[in-house]
Amino acid sequence: MTNAELAILSLIVEKPRHGYELEVVIEQRGMREWTEVGFSSIYYLLKKLEKEGLVSSQLEQTPGRGPARKVFQATPAGRAAWQEAAVDALAAPGRSTSAFLLGLSNMAALSDDRVLAACRQYREHLVARRAHVQSRSAAGDQPLPFHVAAMFEYSLALIDAEIDWLSQFIRQLTVSGGSQGEDHVAATIA
């Protein structure tokens, strides 16, 4: 199960929801900070989960004049798959596909000044992201449920660790002058 499928399924396991309600909850909870669920993919994912028998749907009339909405609910198979996927997500670390790592692998081709400027800019973005995540954690209902508070604490710890590592790396670049010549690059690649 993909992360996006698990995110959608988990919201439906909480309670039956229609597509637009899923979008509202994703936005309210700031889930796009840690999931790959785009607005345009919600209905695609719902159809896929329904085709796999993990959710079922029924039309429900809306109060007033609005059109009927298709409301999705988890099937027993969906609840079982959700539990398995949640355990798998907790048990196995994900691979890092950070663009920053790709940049590090190519920094030998850049001038020291450009590398330092880029790293300093990246650190500024991390500091801003930390402030954003901190404000999102404070914006919700207080006190936060244990698992929600843990998600924010985990995210903040990762950002703090990356800021610390990057600050040390910038100090090393500043002291050593960054690159160590073509011989170092060749030895690193070999």
C-alpha atoms as a PDB file:
ATOM      1  CA  MET A   1       0.000   0.000   0.000  1.00  0.00           C
ATOM      2  CA  THR A   2       1.376   3.423  -0.886  1.00  0.00           C
ATOM      3  CA  ASN A   3       1.700   6.192   1.682  1.00  0.00           C
ATOM      4  CA  ALA A   4      -1.054   8.139  -0.081  1.00  0.00           C
ATOM      5  CA  GLU A   5      -3.402   5.140  -0.006  1.00  0.00           C
ATOM      6  CA  LEU A   6      -2.673   4.583   3.677  1.00  0.00           C
ATOM      7  CA  ALA A   7      -3.344   8.249   4.458  1.00  0.00           C
ATOM      8  CA  ILE A   8      -6.728   8.205   2.709  1.00  0.00           C
ATOM      9  CA  LEU A   9      -7.706   4.826   4.134  1.00  0.00           C
ATOM     10  CA  SER A  10      -6.797   5.918   7.663  1.00  0.00           C
ATOM     11  CA  LEU A  11      -9.120   8.927   7.419  1.00  0.00           C
ATOM     12  CA  ILE A  12     -11.954   6.696   6.204  1.00  0.00           C
ATOM     13  CA  VAL A  13     -11.301   4.204   9.012  1.00  0.00           C
ATOM     14  CA  GLU A  14     -11.742   7.097  11.481  1.00  0.00           C
ATOM     15  CA  LYS A  15     -15.215   7.694  10.095  1.00  0.00           C
ATOM     16  CA  PRO A  16     -17.041   7.500   6.753  1.00  0.00           C
ATOM     17  CA  ARG A  17     -16.207  10.520   4.585  1.00  0.00           C
ATOM     18  CA  HIS A  18     -16.853  11.935   1.132  1.00  0.00           C
ATOM     19  CA  GLY A  19     -14.065  13.151  -1.159  1.00  0.00           C
ATOM     20  CA  TYR A  20     -14.285  16.855  -0.384  1.00  0.00           C
ATOM     21  CA  GLU A  21     -14.417  16.157   3.353  1.00  0.00           C
ATOM     22  CA  LEU A  22     -11.154  14.225   2.969  1.00  0.00           C
ATOM     23  CA  GLU A  23      -9.584  17.298   1.344  1.00  0.00           C
ATOM     24  CA  VAL A  24     -10.770  19.519   4.199  1.00  0.00           C
ATOM     25  CA  VAL A  25      -9.379  17.172   6.870  1.00  0.00           C
ATOM     26  CA  ILE A  26      -6.048  16.811   5.025  1.00  0.00           C
ATOM     27  CA  GLU A  27      -5.732  20.580   4.851  1.00  0.00           C
ATOM     28  CA  GLN A  28      -6.835  21.188   8.458  1.00  0.00           C
ATOM     29  CA  ARG A  29      -4.382  18.649   9.844  1.00  0.00           C
ATOM     30  CA  GLY A  30      -1.483  19.816   7.696  1.00  0.00           C
ATOM     31  CA  MET A  31      -1.115  16.304   6.316  1.00  0.00           C
ATOM     32  CA  ARG A  32       0.583  17.499   3.134  1.00  0.00           C
ATOM     33  CA  GLU A  33       3.637  18.155   5.305  1.00  0.00           C
ATOM     34  CA  TRP A  34       4.150  14.400   5.574  1.00  0.00           C
ATOM     35  CA  THR A  35       2.039  12.708   2.887  1.00  0.00           C
ATOM     36  CA  GLU A  36       2.029  12.736  -0.883  1.00  0.00           C
ATOM     37  CA  VAL A  37      -1.723  13.223  -1.246  1.00  0.00           C
ATOM     38  CA  GLY A  38      -2.528  15.922  -3.762  1.00  0.00           C
ATOM     39  CA  PHE A  39      -6.011  17.381  -4.069  1.00  0.00           C
ATOM     40  CA  SER A  40      -6.368  15.953  -7.562  1.00  0.00           C
ATOM     41  CA  SER A  41      -5.413  12.433  -6.452  1.00  0.00           C
ATOM     42  CA  ILE A  42      -8.032  11.991  -3.713  1.00  0.00           C
ATOM     43  CA  TYR A  43     -10.770  10.708  -6.034  1.00  0.00           C
ATOM     44  CA  TYR A  44      -8.321   8.524  -7.948  1.00  0.00           C
ATOM     45  CA  LEU A  45      -7.213   6.935  -4.660  1.00  0.00           C
ATOM     46  CA  LEU A  46     -10.800   6.450  -3.514  1.00  0.00           C
ATOM     47  CA  LYS A  47     -11.651   4.622  -6.757  1.00  0.00           C
ATOM     48  CA  LYS A  48      -8.531   2.470  -6.400  1.00  0.00           C
ATOM     49  CA  LEU A  49      -9.313   1.570  -2.773  1.00  0.00           C
ATOM     50  CA  GLU A  50     -12.902   0.764  -3.729  1.00  0.00           C
ATOM     51  CA  LYS A  51     -11.790  -1.410  -6.645  1.00  0.00           C
ATOM     52  CA  GLU A  52      -9.487  -3.317  -4.258  1.00  0.00           C
ATOM     53  CA  GLY A  53     -12.404  -3.890  -1.865  1.00  0.00           C
ATOM     54  CA  LEU A  54     -10.855  -1.834   0.939  1.00  0.00           C
ATOM     55  CA  VAL A  55     -13.649   0.752   0.978  1.00  0.00           C
ATOM     56  CA  SER A  56     -17.262   0.766  -0.136  1.00  0.00           C
ATOM     57  CA  SER A  57     -19.433   3.728  -1.011  1.00  0.00           C
ATOM     58  CA  GLN A  58     -23.020   4.840  -0.954  1.00  0.00           C
ATOM     59  CA  LEU A  59     -24.804   7.973  -2.065  1.00  0.00           C
ATOM     60  CA  GLU A  60     -26.097  10.165   0.744  1.00  0.00           C
ATOM     61  CA  GLN A  61     -28.394  13.135   0.357  1.00  0.00           C
ATOM     62  CA  THR A  62     -26.997  16.374   1.674  1.00  0.00           C
ATOM     63  CA  PRO A  63     -29.144  18.676   3.772  1.00  0.00           C
ATOM     64  CA  GLY A  64     -30.662  21.458   1.712  1.00  0.00           C
ATOM     65  CA  ARG A  65     -30.436  21.637  -2.048  1.00  0.00           C
ATOM     66  CA  GLY A  66     -27.011  20.153  -2.655  1.00  0.00           C
ATOM     67  CA  PRO A  67     -26.465  17.063  -4.754  1.00  0.00           C
ATOM     68  CA  ALA A  68     -26.056  13.638  -3.189  1.00  0.00           C
ATOM     69  CA  ARG A  69     -22.503  12.795  -2.148  1.00  0.00           C
ATOM     70  CA  LYS A  70     -20.673   9.527  -2.425  1.00  0.00           C
ATOM     71  CA  VAL A  71     -19.601   8.624   1.115  1.00  0.00           C
ATOM     72  CA  PHE A  72     -16.857   6.033   1.595  1.00  0.00           C
ATOM     73  CA  GLN A  73     -16.486   3.667   4.524  1.00  0.00           C
ATOM     74  CA  ALA A  74     -13.860   1.052   5.312  1.00  0.00           C
ATOM     75  CA  THR A  75     -14.702  -2.579   4.689  1.00  0.00           C
ATOM     76  CA  PRO A  76     -13.498  -5.313   7.053  1.00  0.00           C
ATOM     77  CA  ALA A  77     -10.762  -6.082   4.508  1.00  0.00           C
ATOM     78  CA  GLY A  78      -9.909  -2.383   4.460  1.00  0.00           C
ATOM     79  CA  ARG A  79      -9.567  -2.232   8.242  1.00  0.00           C
ATOM     80  CA  ALA A  80      -7.288  -5.287   8.193  1.00  0.00           C
ATOM     81  CA  ALA A  81      -5.172  -3.839   5.367  1.00  0.00           C
ATOM     82  CA  TRP A  82      -5.004  -0.493   7.199  1.00  0.00           C
ATOM     83  CA  GLN A  83      -3.704  -2.160  10.361  1.00  0.00           C
ATOM     84  CA  GLU A  84      -1.082  -4.153   8.433  1.00  0.00           C
ATOM     85  CA  ALA A  85       0.055  -1.089   6.505  1.00  0.00           C
ATOM     86  CA  ALA A  86       0.272   0.983   9.698  1.00  0.00           C
ATOM     87  CA  VAL A  87       2.442  -1.675  11.374  1.00  0.00           C
ATOM     88  CA  ASP A  88       4.648  -1.876   8.261  1.00  0.00           C
ATOM     89  CA  ALA A  89       5.010   1.916   8.230  1.00  0.00           C
ATOM     90  CA  LEU A  90       6.040   1.939  11.896  1.00  0.00           C
ATOM     91  CA  ALA A  91       8.466  -0.982  11.565  1.00  0.00           C
ATOM     92  CA  ALA A  92      10.557  -0.084   8.515  1.00  0.00           C
ATOM     93  CA  PRO A  93      12.542   3.110   7.993  1.00  0.00           C
ATOM     94  CA  GLY A  94      11.952   4.765   4.655  1.00  0.00           C
ATOM     95  CA  ARG A  95      14.634   5.560   2.146  1.00  0.00           C
ATOM     96  CA  SER A  96      15.760   9.140   1.871  1.00  0.00           C
ATOM     97  CA  THR A  97      15.299  10.556  -1.600  1.00  0.00           C
ATOM     98  CA  SER A  98      16.236  14.082  -0.623  1.00  0.00           C
ATOM     99  CA  ALA A  99      17.325  16.390  -3.425  1.00  0.00           C
ATOM    100  CA  PHE A 100      19.897  17.695  -0.938  1.00  0.00           C
ATOM    101  CA  LEU A 101      21.727  14.348  -1.057  1.00  0.00           C
ATOM    102  CA  LEU A 102      21.868  14.619  -4.830  1.00  0.00           C
ATOM    103  CA  GLY A 103      23.291  18.120  -4.437  1.00  0.00           C
ATOM    104  CA  LEU A 104      25.955  16.836  -2.008  1.00  0.00           C
ATOM    105  CA  SER A 105      26.979  14.166  -4.491  1.00  0.00           C
ATOM    106  CA  ASN A 106      27.599  16.869  -7.088  1.00  0.00           C
ATOM    107  CA  MET A 107      29.139  19.610  -4.950  1.00  0.00           C
ATOM    108  CA  ALA A 108      32.665  18.896  -6.212  1.00  0.00           C
ATOM    109  CA  ALA A 109      31.630  20.492  -9.501  1.00  0.00           C
ATOM    110  CA  LEU A 110      30.660  23.752  -7.778  1.00  0.00           C
ATOM    111  CA  SER A 111      32.694  26.604  -6.398  1.00  0.00           C
ATOM    112  CA  ASP A 112      33.088  26.795  -2.619  1.00  0.00           C
ATOM    113  CA  ASP A 113      31.170  30.074  -2.562  1.00  0.00           C
ATOM    114  CA  ARG A 114      28.181  28.566  -4.359  1.00  0.00           C
ATOM    115  CA  VAL A 115      28.154  25.509  -2.092  1.00  0.00           C
ATOM    116  CA  LEU A 116      28.289  27.673   1.040  1.00  0.00           C
ATOM    117  CA  ALA A 117      25.578  30.006  -0.236  1.00  0.00           C
ATOM    118  CA  ALA A 118      23.319  27.085  -1.146  1.00  0.00           C
ATOM    119  CA  CYS A 119      23.868  25.370   2.216  1.00  0.00           C
ATOM    120  CA  ARG A 120      23.160  28.576   4.111  1.00  0.00           C
ATOM    121  CA  GLN A 121      19.988  29.075   2.088  1.00  0.00           C
ATOM    122  CA  TYR A 122      18.939  25.493   2.812  1.00  0.00           C
ATOM    123  CA  ARG A 123      19.519  26.064   6.532  1.00  0.00           C
ATOM    124  CA  GLU A 124      17.325  29.200   6.381  1.00  0.00           C
ATOM    125  CA  HIS A 125      14.569  27.137   4.749  1.00  0.00           C
ATOM    126  CA  LEU A 126      14.893  24.517   7.497  1.00  0.00           C
ATOM    127  CA  VAL A 127      14.613  27.179  10.211  1.00  0.00           C
ATOM    128  CA  ALA A 128      11.480  28.556   8.514  1.00  0.00           C
ATOM    129  CA  ARG A 129      10.045  25.053   8.142  1.00  0.00           C
ATOM    130  CA  ARG A 130      10.678  24.379  11.825  1.00  0.00           C
ATOM    131  CA  ALA A 131       8.767  27.536  12.750  1.00  0.00           C
ATOM    132  CA  HIS A 132       5.923  26.476  10.447  1.00  0.00           C
ATOM    133  CA  VAL A 133       5.688  22.970  11.924  1.00  0.00           C
ATOM    134  CA  GLN A 134       5.862  24.422  15.445  1.00  0.00           C
ATOM    135  CA  SER A 135       3.022  26.827  14.665  1.00  0.00           C
ATOM    136  CA  ARG A 136       0.921  24.015  13.140  1.00  0.00           C
ATOM    137  CA  SER A 137       1.373  21.904  16.270  1.00  0.00           C
ATOM    138  CA  ALA A 138       0.244  24.809  18.435  1.00  0.00           C
ATOM    139  CA  ALA A 139      -2.709  25.656  16.171  1.00  0.00           C
ATOM    140  CA  GLY A 140      -4.656  22.427  16.682  1.00  0.00           C
ATOM    141  CA  ASP A 141      -6.957  21.398  19.464  1.00  0.00           C
ATOM    142  CA  GLN A 142      -5.036  21.413  22.722  1.00  0.00           C
ATOM    143  CA  PRO A 143      -3.965  19.140  24.199  1.00  0.00           C
ATOM    144  CA  LEU A 144      -3.202  17.159  21.074  1.00  0.00           C
ATOM    145  CA  PRO A 145      -3.934  13.438  21.019  1.00  0.00           C
ATOM    146  CA  PHE A 146      -0.807  11.463  21.923  1.00  0.00           C
ATOM    147  CA  HIS A 147      -0.199  10.139  18.399  1.00  0.00           C
ATOM    148  CA  VAL A 148      -0.638  13.584  16.810  1.00  0.00           C
ATOM    149  CA  ALA A 149       1.722  15.219  19.318  1.00  0.00           C
ATOM    150  CA  ALA A 150       4.236  12.426  18.604  1.00  0.00           C
ATOM    151  CA  MET A 151       4.079  13.194  14.872  1.00  0.00           C
ATOM    152  CA  PHE A 152       4.904  16.835  15.478  1.00  0.00           C
ATOM    153  CA  GLU A 153       7.670  15.977  17.979  1.00  0.00           C
ATOM    154  CA  TYR A 154       9.216  13.518  15.496  1.00  0.00           C
ATOM    155  CA  SER A 155       9.101  16.064  12.673  1.00  0.00           C
ATOM    156  CA  LEU A 156      10.665  18.752  14.850  1.00  0.00           C
ATOM    157  CA  ALA A 157      13.401  16.377  16.041  1.00  0.00           C
ATOM    158  CA  LEU A 158      14.301  15.509  12.437  1.00  0.00           C
ATOM    159  CA  ILE A 159      14.395  19.163  11.436  1.00  0.00           C
ATOM    160  CA  ASP A 160      16.530  20.017  14.489  1.00  0.00           C
ATOM    161  CA  ALA A 161      18.955  17.202  13.669  1.00  0.00           C
ATOM    162  CA  GLU A 162      19.228  18.377  10.069  1.00  0.00           C
ATOM    163  CA  ILE A 163      19.815  21.990  11.144  1.00  0.00           C
ATOM    164  CA  ASP A 164      22.523  20.848  13.583  1.00  0.00           C
ATOM    165  CA  TRP A 165      24.222  18.674  10.944  1.00  0.00           C
ATOM    166  CA  LEU A 166      24.029  21.423   8.335  1.00  0.00           C
ATOM    167  CA  SER A 167      25.453  24.040  10.711  1.00  0.00           C
ATOM    168  CA  GLN A 168      28.405  21.751  11.435  1.00  0.00           C
ATOM    169  CA  PHE A 169      28.856  21.043   7.715  1.00  0.00           C
ATOM    170  CA  ILE A 170      28.868  24.773   6.931  1.00  0.00           C
ATOM    171  CA  ARG A 171      31.522  25.311   9.628  1.00  0.00           C
ATOM    172  CA  GLN A 172      33.634  22.537   8.074  1.00  0.00           C
ATOM    173  CA  LEU A 173      33.255  24.063   4.611  1.00  0.00           C
ATOM    174  CA  THR A 174      34.227  27.462   5.932  1.00  0.00           C
ATOM    175  CA  VAL A 175      37.332  26.139   7.721  1.00  0.00           C
ATOM    176  CA  SER A 176      38.520  23.705   5.049  1.00  0.00           C
ATOM    177  CA  GLY A 177      37.592  25.811   2.075  1.00  0.00           C
ATOM    178  CA  GLY A 178      35.107  23.174   0.882  1.00  0.00           C
ATOM    179  CA  SER A 179      36.624  21.297  -2.025  1.00  0.00           C
ATOM    180  CA  GLN A 180      39.913  19.486  -1.762  1.00  0.00           C
ATOM    181  CA  GLY A 181      40.802  19.307  -5.418  1.00  0.00           C
ATOM    182  CA  GLU A 182      40.206  16.831  -8.210  1.00  0.00           C
ATOM    183  CA  ASP A 183      42.178  14.037  -6.499  1.00  0.00           C
ATOM    184  CA  HIS A 184      39.714  14.125  -3.595  1.00  0.00           C
ATOM    185  CA  VAL A 185      36.762  14.022  -6.014  1.00  0.00           C
ATOM    186  CA  ALA A 186      38.245  11.075  -7.903  1.00  0.00           C
ATOM    187  CA  ALA A 187      38.935   9.225  -4.617  1.00  0.00           C
ATOM    188  CA  THR A 188      35.381   9.915  -3.416  1.00  0.00           C
ATOM    189  CA  ILE A 189      33.827   8.603  -6.627  1.00  0.00           C
ATOM    190  CA  ALA A 190      36.038   5.479  -6.775  1.00  0.00           C
END
